Amino acid sequence: QAKYLTGDNTAIDAFLDQFDVFLLDCDGVIWSGDHVFPGVPETLE
C-alpha cells in the first residue's frame, strides 16, 4: 500500500529524513506545459 503523506506533518518529516537525494520528473510534477504548479519553487528551496 502507498502511504498518503498530504496533511500529515509527522509523516512528511519522517519521509524527508529517509533521503538525501530526490530525483524529480518535470512534466506533471514541476509543471504542465508552461504552467508551474503552485508552491513548487518554494518546495524545491
PDB file of all heavy atoms in Angstrom:
ATOM      1  N   GLN A   1       0.832  -1.188   0.000  1.00  0.00           N
ATOM      2  CA  GLN A   1       0.000   0.000   0.000  1.00  0.00           C
ATOM      3  C   GLN A   1       0.878   1.253   0.000  1.00  0.00           C
ATOM      4  O   GLN A   1       1.872   1.324   0.711  1.00  0.00           O
ATOM      5  CB  GLN A   1      -0.911   0.013   1.229  1.00  0.00           C
ATOM      6  CG  GLN A   1      -1.915  -1.126   1.271  1.00  0.00           C
ATOM      7  CD  GLN A   1      -2.955  -1.015   0.187  1.00  0.00           C
ATOM      8  OE1 GLN A   1      -3.550   0.035  -0.026  1.00  0.00           O
ATOM      9  NE2 GLN A   1      -3.186  -2.124  -0.519  1.00  0.00           N
ATOM     10  N   ALA A   2       0.480   2.243  -0.798  1.00  0.00           N
ATOM     11  CA  ALA A   2       1.192   3.514  -0.810  1.00  0.00           C
ATOM     12  C   ALA A   2       0.749   4.345   0.382  1.00  0.00           C
ATOM     13  O   ALA A   2      -0.448   4.420   0.690  1.00  0.00           O
ATOM     14  CB  ALA A   2       0.910   4.254  -2.108  1.00  0.00           C
ATOM     15  N   LYS A   3       1.702   4.961   1.064  1.00  0.00           N
ATOM     16  CA  LYS A   3       1.384   5.780   2.235  1.00  0.00           C
ATOM     17  C   LYS A   3       1.081   7.213   1.806  1.00  0.00           C
ATOM     18  O   LYS A   3       1.864   7.846   1.106  1.00  0.00           O
ATOM     19  CB  LYS A   3       2.547   5.773   3.227  1.00  0.00           C
ATOM     20  CG  LYS A   3       2.271   6.563   4.508  1.00  0.00           C
ATOM     21  CD  LYS A   3       3.395   6.431   5.506  1.00  0.00           C
ATOM     22  CE  LYS A   3       3.161   7.274   6.754  1.00  0.00           C
ATOM     23  NZ  LYS A   3       1.892   6.923   7.428  1.00  0.00           N
ATOM     24  N   TYR A   4      -0.061   7.712   2.236  1.00  0.00           N
ATOM     25  CA  TYR A   4      -0.508   9.064   1.900  1.00  0.00           C
ATOM     26  C   TYR A   4       0.102  10.064   2.878  1.00  0.00           C
ATOM     27  O   TYR A   4      -0.064   9.929   4.096  1.00  0.00           O
ATOM     28  CB  TYR A   4      -2.031   9.120   1.960  1.00  0.00           C
ATOM     29  CG  TYR A   4      -2.654  10.427   1.545  1.00  0.00           C
ATOM     30  CD1 TYR A   4      -2.339  11.020   0.323  1.00  0.00           C
ATOM     31  CD2 TYR A   4      -3.598  11.048   2.358  1.00  0.00           C
ATOM     32  CE1 TYR A   4      -2.951  12.208  -0.070  1.00  0.00           C
ATOM     33  CE2 TYR A   4      -4.218  12.227   1.974  1.00  0.00           C
ATOM     34  CZ  TYR A   4      -3.883  12.808   0.756  1.00  0.00           C
ATOM     35  OH  TYR A   4      -4.485  13.980   0.373  1.00  0.00           O
ATOM     36  N   LEU A   5       0.817  11.061   2.347  1.00  0.00           N
ATOM     37  CA  LEU A   5       1.542  11.998   3.200  1.00  0.00           C
ATOM     38  C   LEU A   5       0.877  13.365   3.349  1.00  0.00           C
ATOM     39  O   LEU A   5       1.136  14.058   4.337  1.00  0.00           O
ATOM     40  CB  LEU A   5       2.964  12.202   2.652  1.00  0.00           C
ATOM     41  CG  LEU A   5       3.863  10.978   2.548  1.00  0.00           C
ATOM     42  CD1 LEU A   5       5.226  11.378   1.986  1.00  0.00           C
ATOM     43  CD2 LEU A   5       4.022  10.301   3.902  1.00  0.00           C
ATOM     44  N   THR A   6       0.069  13.754   2.390  1.00  0.00           N
ATOM     45  CA  THR A   6      -0.513  15.095   2.409  1.00  0.00           C
ATOM     46  C   THR A   6      -1.241  15.368   3.720  1.00  0.00           C
ATOM     47  O   THR A   6      -2.103  14.591   4.148  1.00  0.00           O
ATOM     48  CB  THR A   6      -1.481  15.277   1.227  1.00  0.00           C
ATOM     49  OG1 THR A   6      -0.747  15.182   0.006  1.00  0.00           O
ATOM     50  CG2 THR A   6      -2.174  16.635   1.289  1.00  0.00           C
ATOM     51  N   GLY A   7      -0.854  16.478   4.375  1.00  0.00           N
ATOM     52  CA  GLY A   7      -1.508  16.902   5.619  1.00  0.00           C
ATOM     53  C   GLY A   7      -0.995  16.232   6.872  1.00  0.00           C
ATOM     54  O   GLY A   7      -1.376  16.619   7.979  1.00  0.00           O
ATOM     55  N   ASP A   8      -0.132  15.245   6.738  1.00  0.00           N
ATOM     56  CA  ASP A   8       0.418  14.532   7.889  1.00  0.00           C
ATOM     57  C   ASP A   8       1.865  14.990   8.092  1.00  0.00           C
ATOM     58  O   ASP A   8       2.803  14.417   7.550  1.00  0.00           O
ATOM     59  CB  ASP A   8       0.367  13.019   7.639  1.00  0.00           C
ATOM     60  CG  ASP A   8       0.732  12.196   8.864  1.00  0.00           C
ATOM     61  OD1 ASP A   8       1.406  12.737   9.761  1.00  0.00           O
ATOM     62  OD2 ASP A   8       0.363  11.007   8.913  1.00  0.00           O
ATOM     63  N   ASN A   9       2.030  16.039   8.876  1.00  0.00           N
ATOM     64  CA  ASN A   9       3.347  16.663   9.004  1.00  0.00           C
ATOM     65  C   ASN A   9       4.379  15.744   9.645  1.00  0.00           C
ATOM     66  O   ASN A   9       5.565  15.772   9.277  1.00  0.00           O
ATOM     67  CB  ASN A   9       3.220  17.961   9.806  1.00  0.00           C
ATOM     68  CG  ASN A   9       2.377  19.002   9.072  1.00  0.00           C
ATOM     69  OD1 ASN A   9       2.491  19.151   7.855  1.00  0.00           O
ATOM     70  ND2 ASN A   9       1.516  19.692   9.806  1.00  0.00           N
ATOM     71  N   THR A  10       3.953  14.929  10.572  1.00  0.00           N
ATOM     72  CA  THR A  10       4.885  13.983  11.199  1.00  0.00           C
ATOM     73  C   THR A  10       5.395  12.979  10.168  1.00  0.00           C
ATOM     74  O   THR A  10       6.592  12.674  10.110  1.00  0.00           O
ATOM     75  CB  THR A  10       4.195  13.241  12.352  1.00  0.00           C
ATOM     76  OG1 THR A  10       3.754  14.195  13.337  1.00  0.00           O
ATOM     77  CG2 THR A  10       5.154  12.256  13.011  1.00  0.00           C
ATOM     78  N   ALA A  11       4.487  12.472   9.358  1.00  0.00           N
ATOM     79  CA  ALA A  11       4.867  11.504   8.326  1.00  0.00           C
ATOM     80  C   ALA A  11       5.758  12.152   7.270  1.00  0.00           C
ATOM     81  O   ALA A  11       6.703  11.528   6.763  1.00  0.00           O
ATOM     82  CB  ALA A  11       3.618  10.916   7.672  1.00  0.00           C
ATOM     83  N   ILE A  12       5.473  13.417   6.929  1.00  0.00           N
ATOM     84  CA  ILE A  12       6.296  14.127   5.945  1.00  0.00           C
ATOM     85  C   ILE A  12       7.721  14.296   6.468  1.00  0.00           C
ATOM     86  O   ILE A  12       8.699  14.054   5.742  1.00  0.00           O
ATOM     87  CB  ILE A  12       5.679  15.497   5.593  1.00  0.00           C
ATOM     88  CG1 ILE A  12       4.399  15.289   4.786  1.00  0.00           C
ATOM     89  CG2 ILE A  12       6.680  16.368   4.817  1.00  0.00           C
ATOM     90  CD1 ILE A  12       3.602  16.559   4.552  1.00  0.00           C
ATOM     91  N   ASP A  13       7.856  14.701   7.723  1.00  0.00           N
ATOM     92  CA  ASP A  13       9.191  14.864   8.304  1.00  0.00           C
ATOM     93  C   ASP A  13       9.962  13.540   8.314  1.00  0.00           C
ATOM     94  O   ASP A  13      11.155  13.491   8.003  1.00  0.00           O
ATOM     95  CB  ASP A  13       9.082  15.410   9.734  1.00  0.00           C
ATOM     96  CG  ASP A  13       8.665  16.868   9.759  1.00  0.00           C
ATOM     97  OD1 ASP A  13       8.814  17.548   8.724  1.00  0.00           O
ATOM     98  OD2 ASP A  13       8.194  17.344  10.815  1.00  0.00           O
ATOM     99  N   ALA A  14       9.261  12.467   8.668  1.00  0.00           N
ATOM    100  CA  ALA A  14       9.905  11.147   8.690  1.00  0.00           C
ATOM    101  C   ALA A  14      10.314  10.730   7.279  1.00  0.00           C
ATOM    102  O   ALA A  14      11.390  10.151   7.079  1.00  0.00           O
ATOM    103  CB  ALA A  14       8.956  10.109   9.294  1.00  0.00           C
ATOM    104  N   PHE A  15       9.461  11.045   6.305  1.00  0.00           N
ATOM    105  CA  PHE A  15       9.767  10.746   4.905  1.00  0.00           C
ATOM    106  C   PHE A  15      11.020  11.483   4.445  1.00  0.00           C
ATOM    107  O   PHE A  15      11.945  10.888   3.877  1.00  0.00           O
ATOM    108  CB  PHE A  15       8.565  11.125   4.034  1.00  0.00           C
ATOM    109  CG  PHE A  15       8.856  11.200   2.557  1.00  0.00           C
ATOM    110  CD1 PHE A  15       8.968  10.048   1.786  1.00  0.00           C
ATOM    111  CD2 PHE A  15       9.008  12.441   1.936  1.00  0.00           C
ATOM    112  CE1 PHE A  15       9.237  10.127   0.429  1.00  0.00           C
ATOM    113  CE2 PHE A  15       9.276  12.520   0.579  1.00  0.00           C
ATOM    114  CZ  PHE A  15       9.391  11.367  -0.177  1.00  0.00           C
ATOM    115  N   LEU A  16      11.074  12.771   4.709  1.00  0.00           N
ATOM    116  CA  LEU A  16      12.218  13.574   4.269  1.00  0.00           C
ATOM    117  C   LEU A  16      13.513  13.129   4.936  1.00  0.00           C
ATOM    118  O   LEU A  16      14.590  13.173   4.320  1.00  0.00           O
ATOM    119  CB  LEU A  16      11.958  15.058   4.555  1.00  0.00           C
ATOM    120  CG  LEU A  16      10.821  15.706   3.749  1.00  0.00           C
ATOM    121  CD1 LEU A  16      10.629  17.161   4.181  1.00  0.00           C
ATOM    122  CD2 LEU A  16      11.087  15.631   2.255  1.00  0.00           C
ATOM    123  N   ASP A  17      13.416  12.684   6.175  1.00  0.00           N
ATOM    124  CA  ASP A  17      14.619  12.248   6.903  1.00  0.00           C
ATOM    125  C   ASP A  17      15.229  10.973   6.309  1.00  0.00           C
ATOM    126  O   ASP A  17      16.401  10.680   6.551  1.00  0.00           O
ATOM    127  CB  ASP A  17      14.284  12.001   8.381  1.00  0.00           C
ATOM    128  CG  ASP A  17      14.080  13.306   9.155  1.00  0.00           C
ATOM    129  OD1 ASP A  17      14.503  14.361   8.647  1.00  0.00           O
ATOM    130  OD2 ASP A  17      13.490  13.253  10.256  1.00  0.00           O
ATOM    131  N   GLN A  18      14.443  10.235   5.529  1.00  0.00           N
ATOM    132  CA  GLN A  18      14.935   8.973   4.954  1.00  0.00           C
ATOM    133  C   GLN A  18      15.875   9.179   3.773  1.00  0.00           C
ATOM    134  O   GLN A  18      16.605   8.263   3.397  1.00  0.00           O
ATOM    135  CB  GLN A  18      13.766   8.118   4.463  1.00  0.00           C
ATOM    136  CG  GLN A  18      12.876   7.543   5.538  1.00  0.00           C
ATOM    137  CD  GLN A  18      11.795   6.659   4.929  1.00  0.00           C
ATOM    138  OE1 GLN A  18      12.091   5.753   4.151  1.00  0.00           O
ATOM    139  NE2 GLN A  18      10.548   6.939   5.252  1.00  0.00           N
ATOM    140  N   PHE A  19      15.846  10.400   3.184  1.00  0.00           N
ATOM    141  CA  PHE A  19      16.519  10.577   1.896  1.00  0.00           C
ATOM    142  C   PHE A  19      17.447  11.788   1.872  1.00  0.00           C
ATOM    143  O   PHE A  19      17.181  12.807   2.512  1.00  0.00           O
ATOM    144  CB  PHE A  19      15.476  10.709   0.777  1.00  0.00           C
ATOM    145  CG  PHE A  19      14.499   9.570   0.742  1.00  0.00           C
ATOM    146  CD1 PHE A  19      13.178   9.750   1.126  1.00  0.00           C
ATOM    147  CD2 PHE A  19      14.906   8.302   0.339  1.00  0.00           C
ATOM    148  CE1 PHE A  19      12.277   8.703   1.114  1.00  0.00           C
ATOM    149  CE2 PHE A  19      14.007   7.235   0.325  1.00  0.00           C
ATOM    150  CZ  PHE A  19      12.695   7.435   0.713  1.00  0.00           C
ATOM    151  N   ASP A  20      18.526  11.623   1.095  1.00  0.00           N
ATOM    152  CA  ASP A  20      19.479  12.719   0.868  1.00  0.00           C
ATOM    153  C   ASP A  20      19.339  13.286  -0.544  1.00  0.00           C
ATOM    154  O   ASP A  20      19.705  14.431  -0.795  1.00  0.00           O
ATOM    155  CB  ASP A  20      20.922  12.218   1.036  1.00  0.00           C
ATOM    156  CG  ASP A  20      21.174  11.630   2.406  1.00  0.00           C
ATOM    157  OD1 ASP A  20      20.713  12.221   3.401  1.00  0.00           O
ATOM    158  OD2 ASP A  20      21.821  10.558   2.482  1.00  0.00           O
ATOM    159  N   VAL A  21      18.825  12.459  -1.471  1.00  0.00           N
ATOM    160  CA  VAL A  21      18.738  12.842  -2.881  1.00  0.00           C
ATOM    161  C   VAL A  21      17.319  12.598  -3.388  1.00  0.00           C
ATOM    162  O   VAL A  21      16.727  11.549  -3.104  1.00  0.00           O
ATOM    163  CB  VAL A  21      19.737  12.034  -3.739  1.00  0.00           C
ATOM    164  CG1 VAL A  21      19.616  12.429  -5.212  1.00  0.00           C
ATOM    165  CG2 VAL A  21      21.158  12.228  -3.246  1.00  0.00           C
ATOM    166  N   PHE A  22      16.802  13.577  -4.117  1.00  0.00           N
ATOM    167  CA  PHE A  22      15.488  13.427  -4.747  1.00  0.00           C
ATOM    168  C   PHE A  22      15.642  13.592  -6.258  1.00  0.00           C
ATOM    169  O   PHE A  22      16.125  14.620  -6.742  1.00  0.00           O
ATOM    170  CB  PHE A  22      14.498  14.463  -4.207  1.00  0.00           C
ATOM    171  CG  PHE A  22      14.075  14.197  -2.793  1.00  0.00           C
ATOM    172  CD1 PHE A  22      14.719  14.811  -1.730  1.00  0.00           C
ATOM    173  CD2 PHE A  22      13.051  13.295  -2.514  1.00  0.00           C
ATOM    174  CE1 PHE A  22      14.345  14.551  -0.414  1.00  0.00           C
ATOM    175  CE2 PHE A  22      12.666  13.025  -1.212  1.00  0.00           C
ATOM    176  CZ  PHE A  22      13.322  13.652  -0.154  1.00  0.00           C
ATOM    177  N   LEU A  23      15.257  12.546  -6.995  1.00  0.00           N
ATOM    178  CA  LEU A  23      15.199  12.603  -8.444  1.00  0.00           C
ATOM    179  C   LEU A  23      13.776  13.012  -8.810  1.00  0.00           C
ATOM    180  O   LEU A  23      12.820  12.341  -8.418  1.00  0.00           O
ATOM    181  CB  LEU A  23      15.526  11.240  -9.063  1.00  0.00           C
ATOM    182  CG  LEU A  23      16.822  10.560  -8.617  1.00  0.00           C
ATOM    183  CD1 LEU A  23      17.001   9.232  -9.369  1.00  0.00           C
ATOM    184  CD2 LEU A  23      18.022  11.466  -8.846  1.00  0.00           C
ATOM    185  N   LEU A  24      13.639  14.107  -9.528  1.00  0.00           N
ATOM    186  CA  LEU A  24      12.306  14.636  -9.820  1.00  0.00           C
ATOM    187  C   LEU A  24      12.014  14.656 -11.309  1.00  0.00           C
ATOM    188  O   LEU A  24      12.805  15.184 -12.101  1.00  0.00           O
ATOM    189  CB  LEU A  24      12.169  16.066  -9.284  1.00  0.00           C
ATOM    190  CG  LEU A  24      12.297  16.262  -7.774  1.00  0.00           C
ATOM    191  CD1 LEU A  24      13.630  16.893  -7.431  1.00  0.00           C
ATOM    192  CD2 LEU A  24      11.161  17.136  -7.255  1.00  0.00           C
ATOM    193  N   ASP A  25      10.875  14.087 -11.673  1.00  0.00           N
ATOM    194  CA  ASP A  25      10.352  14.259 -13.016  1.00  0.00           C
ATOM    195  C   ASP A  25       9.914  15.721 -13.141  1.00  0.00           C
ATOM    196  O   ASP A  25       9.712  16.412 -12.139  1.00  0.00           O
ATOM    197  CB  ASP A  25       9.173  13.309 -13.223  1.00  0.00           C
ATOM    198  CG  ASP A  25       8.556  13.437 -14.595  1.00  0.00           C
ATOM    199  OD1 ASP A  25       9.311  13.606 -15.564  1.00  0.00           O
ATOM    200  OD2 ASP A  25       7.315  13.376 -14.699  1.00  0.00           O
ATOM    201  N   CYS A  26       9.742  16.195 -14.366  1.00  0.00           N
ATOM    202  CA  CYS A  26       9.330  17.594 -14.576  1.00  0.00           C
ATOM    203  C   CYS A  26       7.877  17.707 -15.028  1.00  0.00           C
ATOM    204  O   CYS A  26       7.044  18.258 -14.323  1.00  0.00           O
ATOM    205  CB  CYS A  26      10.260  18.259 -15.595  1.00  0.00           C
ATOM    206  SG  CYS A  26      11.964  18.438 -15.020  1.00  0.00           S
ATOM    207  N   ASP A  27       7.552  17.171 -16.219  1.00  0.00           N
ATOM    208  CA  ASP A  27       6.187  17.264 -16.733  1.00  0.00           C
ATOM    209  C   ASP A  27       5.230  16.490 -15.828  1.00  0.00           C
ATOM    210  O   ASP A  27       5.383  15.291 -15.620  1.00  0.00           O
ATOM    211  CB  ASP A  27       6.114  16.699 -18.160  1.00  0.00           C
ATOM    212  CG  ASP A  27       6.961  17.491 -19.139  1.00  0.00           C
ATOM    213  OD1 ASP A  27       6.768  18.715 -19.209  1.00  0.00           O
ATOM    214  OD2 ASP A  27       7.818  16.889 -19.806  1.00  0.00           O
ATOM    215  N   GLY A  28       4.247  17.201 -15.299  1.00  0.00           N
ATOM    216  CA  GLY A  28       3.276  16.571 -14.413  1.00  0.00           C
ATOM    217  C   GLY A  28       3.659  16.630 -12.946  1.00  0.00           C
ATOM    218  O   GLY A  28       2.843  16.276 -12.081  1.00  0.00           O
ATOM    219  N   VAL A  29       4.872  17.080 -12.652  1.00  0.00           N
ATOM    220  CA  VAL A  29       5.343  17.192 -11.261  1.00  0.00           C
ATOM    221  C   VAL A  29       5.707  18.646 -10.939  1.00  0.00           C
ATOM    222  O   VAL A  29       5.203  19.230  -9.983  1.00  0.00           O
ATOM    223  CB  VAL A  29       6.572  16.294 -11.006  1.00  0.00           C
ATOM    224  CG1 VAL A  29       7.100  16.482  -9.582  1.00  0.00           C
ATOM    225  CG2 VAL A  29       6.209  14.831 -11.244  1.00  0.00           C
ATOM    226  N   ILE A  30       6.584  19.211 -11.769  1.00  0.00           N
ATOM    227  CA  ILE A  30       7.008  20.602 -11.608  1.00  0.00           C
ATOM    228  C   ILE A  30       6.037  21.536 -12.315  1.00  0.00           C
ATOM    229  O   ILE A  30       5.670  22.588 -11.808  1.00  0.00           O
ATOM    230  CB  ILE A  30       8.431  20.818 -12.184  1.00  0.00           C
ATOM    231  CG1 ILE A  30       9.419  19.840 -11.547  1.00  0.00           C
ATOM    232  CG2 ILE A  30       8.880  22.263 -12.000  1.00  0.00           C
ATOM    233  CD1 ILE A  30       9.632  20.031 -10.079  1.00  0.00           C
ATOM    234  N   TRP A  31       5.636  21.121 -13.510  1.00  0.00           N
ATOM    235  CA  TRP A  31       4.768  21.945 -14.340  1.00  0.00           C
ATOM    236  C   TRP A  31       3.943  21.098 -15.283  1.00  0.00           C
ATOM    237  O   TRP A  31       4.167  19.901 -15.434  1.00  0.00           O
ATOM    238  CB  TRP A  31       5.612  22.944 -15.147  1.00  0.00           C
ATOM    239  CG  TRP A  31       6.732  22.311 -15.930  1.00  0.00           C
ATOM    240  CD1 TRP A  31       6.664  21.253 -16.803  1.00  0.00           C
ATOM    241  CD2 TRP A  31       8.113  22.681 -15.910  1.00  0.00           C
ATOM    242  NE1 TRP A  31       7.891  20.942 -17.319  1.00  0.00           N
ATOM    243  CE2 TRP A  31       8.812  21.807 -16.799  1.00  0.00           C
ATOM    244  CE3 TRP A  31       8.853  23.667 -15.258  1.00  0.00           C
ATOM    245  CZ2 TRP A  31      10.183  21.894 -17.025  1.00  0.00           C
ATOM    246  CZ3 TRP A  31      10.212  23.747 -15.479  1.00  0.00           C
ATOM    247  CH2 TRP A  31      10.863  22.875 -16.351  1.00  0.00           C
ATOM    248  N   SER A  32       2.971  21.745 -15.914  1.00  0.00           N
ATOM    249  CA  SER A  32       2.236  21.168 -17.034  1.00  0.00           C
ATOM    250  C   SER A  32       2.357  22.183 -18.157  1.00  0.00           C
ATOM    251  O   SER A  32       1.781  23.264 -18.096  1.00  0.00           O
ATOM    252  CB  SER A  32       0.773  20.930 -16.682  1.00  0.00           C
ATOM    253  OG  SER A  32       0.048  20.467 -17.815  1.00  0.00           O
ATOM    254  N   GLY A  33       3.164  21.838 -19.170  1.00  0.00           N
ATOM    255  CA  GLY A  33       3.444  22.819 -20.210  1.00  0.00           C
ATOM    256  C   GLY A  33       4.212  24.001 -19.638  1.00  0.00           C
ATOM    257  O   GLY A  33       5.269  23.843 -19.028  1.00  0.00           O
ATOM    258  N   ASP A  34       3.656  25.203 -19.779  1.00  0.00           N
ATOM    259  CA  ASP A  34       4.297  26.408 -19.243  1.00  0.00           C
ATOM    260  C   ASP A  34       3.720  26.826 -17.894  1.00  0.00           C
ATOM    261  O   ASP A  34       4.103  27.862 -17.342  1.00  0.00           O
ATOM    262  CB  ASP A  34       4.164  27.566 -20.235  1.00  0.00           C
ATOM    263  CG  ASP A  34       5.077  27.396 -21.439  1.00  0.00           C
ATOM    264  OD1 ASP A  34       6.178  26.836 -21.258  1.00  0.00           O
ATOM    265  OD2 ASP A  34       4.701  27.812 -22.553  1.00  0.00           O
ATOM    266  N   HIS A  35       2.803  26.024 -17.370  1.00  0.00           N
ATOM    267  CA  HIS A  35       2.191  26.337 -16.073  1.00  0.00           C
ATOM    268  C   HIS A  35       2.925  25.618 -14.949  1.00  0.00           C
ATOM    269  O   HIS A  35       2.918  24.384 -14.871  1.00  0.00           O
ATOM    270  CB  HIS A  35       0.719  25.925 -16.069  1.00  0.00           C
ATOM    271  CG  HIS A  35       0.076  25.965 -14.712  1.00  0.00           C
ATOM    272  ND1 HIS A  35      -0.205  27.157 -14.068  1.00  0.00           N
ATOM    273  CD2 HIS A  35      -0.307  24.972 -13.864  1.00  0.00           C
ATOM    274  CE1 HIS A  35      -0.746  26.891 -12.890  1.00  0.00           C
ATOM    275  NE2 HIS A  35      -0.814  25.579 -12.753  1.00  0.00           N
ATOM    276  N   VAL A  36       3.589  26.392 -14.094  1.00  0.00           N
ATOM    277  CA  VAL A  36       4.268  25.821 -12.930  1.00  0.00           C
ATOM    278  C   VAL A  36       3.240  25.633 -11.821  1.00  0.00           C
ATOM    279  O   VAL A  36       2.480  26.554 -11.498  1.00  0.00           O
ATOM    280  CB  VAL A  36       5.407  26.743 -12.445  1.00  0.00           C
ATOM    281  CG1 VAL A  36       6.034  26.200 -11.161  1.00  0.00           C
ATOM    282  CG2 VAL A  36       6.464  26.883 -13.532  1.00  0.00           C
ATOM    283  N   PHE A  37       3.206  24.444 -11.241  1.00  0.00           N
ATOM    284  CA  PHE A  37       2.246  24.198 -10.173  1.00  0.00           C
ATOM    285  C   PHE A  37       2.553  25.078  -8.966  1.00  0.00           C
ATOM    286  O   PHE A  37       3.733  25.303  -8.624  1.00  0.00           O
ATOM    287  CB  PHE A  37       2.273  22.721  -9.774  1.00  0.00           C
ATOM    288  CG  PHE A  37       1.857  21.788 -10.875  1.00  0.00           C
ATOM    289  CD1 PHE A  37       2.687  20.763 -11.298  1.00  0.00           C
ATOM    290  CD2 PHE A  37       0.629  21.932 -11.512  1.00  0.00           C
ATOM    291  CE1 PHE A  37       2.317  19.903 -12.315  1.00  0.00           C
ATOM    292  CE2 PHE A  37       0.243  21.077 -12.536  1.00  0.00           C
ATOM    293  CZ  PHE A  37       1.087  20.061 -12.941  1.00  0.00           C
ATOM    294  N   PRO A  38       1.526  25.596  -8.308  1.00  0.00           N
ATOM    295  CA  PRO A  38       1.728  26.496  -7.168  1.00  0.00           C
ATOM    296  C   PRO A  38       2.610  25.879  -6.085  1.00  0.00           C
ATOM    297  O   PRO A  38       2.471  24.697  -5.749  1.00  0.00           O
ATOM    298  CB  PRO A  38       0.300  26.720  -6.645  1.00  0.00           C
ATOM    299  CG  PRO A  38      -0.581  26.498  -7.840  1.00  0.00           C
ATOM    300  CD  PRO A  38       0.085  25.398  -8.618  1.00  0.00           C
ATOM    301  N   GLY A  39       3.518  26.697  -5.562  1.00  0.00           N
ATOM    302  CA  GLY A  39       4.358  26.284  -4.446  1.00  0.00           C
ATOM    303  C   GLY A  39       5.566  25.457  -4.809  1.00  0.00           C
ATOM    304  O   GLY A  39       6.376  25.122  -3.933  1.00  0.00           O
ATOM    305  N   VAL A  40       5.752  25.127  -6.094  1.00  0.00           N
ATOM    306  CA  VAL A  40       6.876  24.271  -6.485  1.00  0.00           C
ATOM    307  C   VAL A  40       8.234  24.940  -6.251  1.00  0.00           C
ATOM    308  O   VAL A  40       9.133  24.328  -5.661  1.00  0.00           O
ATOM    309  CB  VAL A  40       6.737  23.800  -7.949  1.00  0.00           C
ATOM    310  CG1 VAL A  40       8.057  23.259  -8.482  1.00  0.00           C
ATOM    311  CG2 VAL A  40       5.667  22.714  -8.049  1.00  0.00           C
ATOM    312  N   PRO A  41       8.446  26.196  -6.684  1.00  0.00           N
ATOM    313  CA  PRO A  41       9.756  26.820  -6.424  1.00  0.00           C
ATOM    314  C   PRO A  41      10.108  26.847  -4.944  1.00  0.00           C
ATOM    315  O   PRO A  41      11.254  26.557  -4.554  1.00  0.00           O
ATOM    316  CB  PRO A  41       9.594  28.231  -7.002  1.00  0.00           C
ATOM    317  CG  PRO A  41       8.527  28.094  -8.048  1.00  0.00           C
ATOM    318  CD  PRO A  41       7.571  27.090  -7.480  1.00  0.00           C
ATOM    319  N   GLU A  42       9.123  27.181  -4.114  1.00  0.00           N
ATOM    320  CA  GLU A  42       9.358  27.239  -2.670  1.00  0.00           C
ATOM    321  C   GLU A  42       9.651  25.850  -2.090  1.00  0.00           C
ATOM    322  O   GLU A  42      10.472  25.706  -1.179  1.00  0.00           O
ATOM    323  CB  GLU A  42       8.130  27.841  -1.967  1.00  0.00           C
ATOM    324  CG  GLU A  42       7.829  29.287  -2.329  1.00  0.00           C
ATOM    325  CD  GLU A  42       7.027  29.445  -3.618  1.00  0.00           C
ATOM    326  OE1 GLU A  42       6.758  28.427  -4.299  1.00  0.00           O
ATOM    327  OE2 GLU A  42       6.682  30.599  -3.949  1.00  0.00           O
ATOM    328  N   THR A  43       9.002  24.827  -2.651  1.00  0.00           N
ATOM    329  CA  THR A  43       9.225  23.464  -2.164  1.00  0.00           C
ATOM    330  C   THR A  43      10.635  22.990  -2.488  1.00  0.00           C
ATOM    331  O   THR A  43      11.299  22.363  -1.662  1.00  0.00           O
ATOM    332  CB  THR A  43       8.194  22.503  -2.770  1.00  0.00           C
ATOM    333  OG1 THR A  43       6.876  22.960  -2.452  1.00  0.00           O
ATOM    334  CG2 THR A  43       8.383  21.090  -2.240  1.00  0.00           C
ATOM    335  N   LEU A  44      11.107  23.295  -3.687  1.00  0.00           N
ATOM    336  CA  LEU A  44      12.464  22.913  -4.065  1.00  0.00           C
ATOM    337  C   LEU A  44      13.491  23.609  -3.182  1.00  0.00           C
ATOM    338  O   LEU A  44      14.481  22.997  -2.746  1.00  0.00           O
ATOM    339  CB  LEU A  44      12.712  23.240  -5.535  1.00  0.00           C
ATOM    340  CG  LEU A  44      11.865  22.441  -6.537  1.00  0.00           C
ATOM    341  CD1 LEU A  44      12.038  22.979  -7.949  1.00  0.00           C
ATOM    342  CD2 LEU A  44      12.220  20.957  -6.485  1.00  0.00           C
ATOM    343  N   GLU A  45      13.258  24.882  -2.891  1.00  0.00           N
ATOM    344  CA  GLU A  45      14.166  25.615  -2.000  1.00  0.00           C
ATOM    345  C   GLU A  45      14.107  25.044  -0.591  1.00  0.00           C
ATOM    346  O   GLU A  45      15.124  24.985   0.111  1.00  0.00           O
ATOM    347  CB  GLU A  45      13.814  27.103  -1.999  1.00  0.00           C
ATOM    348  CG  GLU A  45      14.271  27.834  -3.248  1.00  0.00           C
ATOM    349  CD  GLU A  45      15.767  27.676  -3.489  1.00  0.00           C
ATOM    350  OE1 GLU A  45      16.555  28.102  -2.625  1.00  0.00           O
ATOM    351  OE2 GLU A  45      16.142  27.082  -4.520  1.00  0.00           O
TER     352      GLU A  45
END
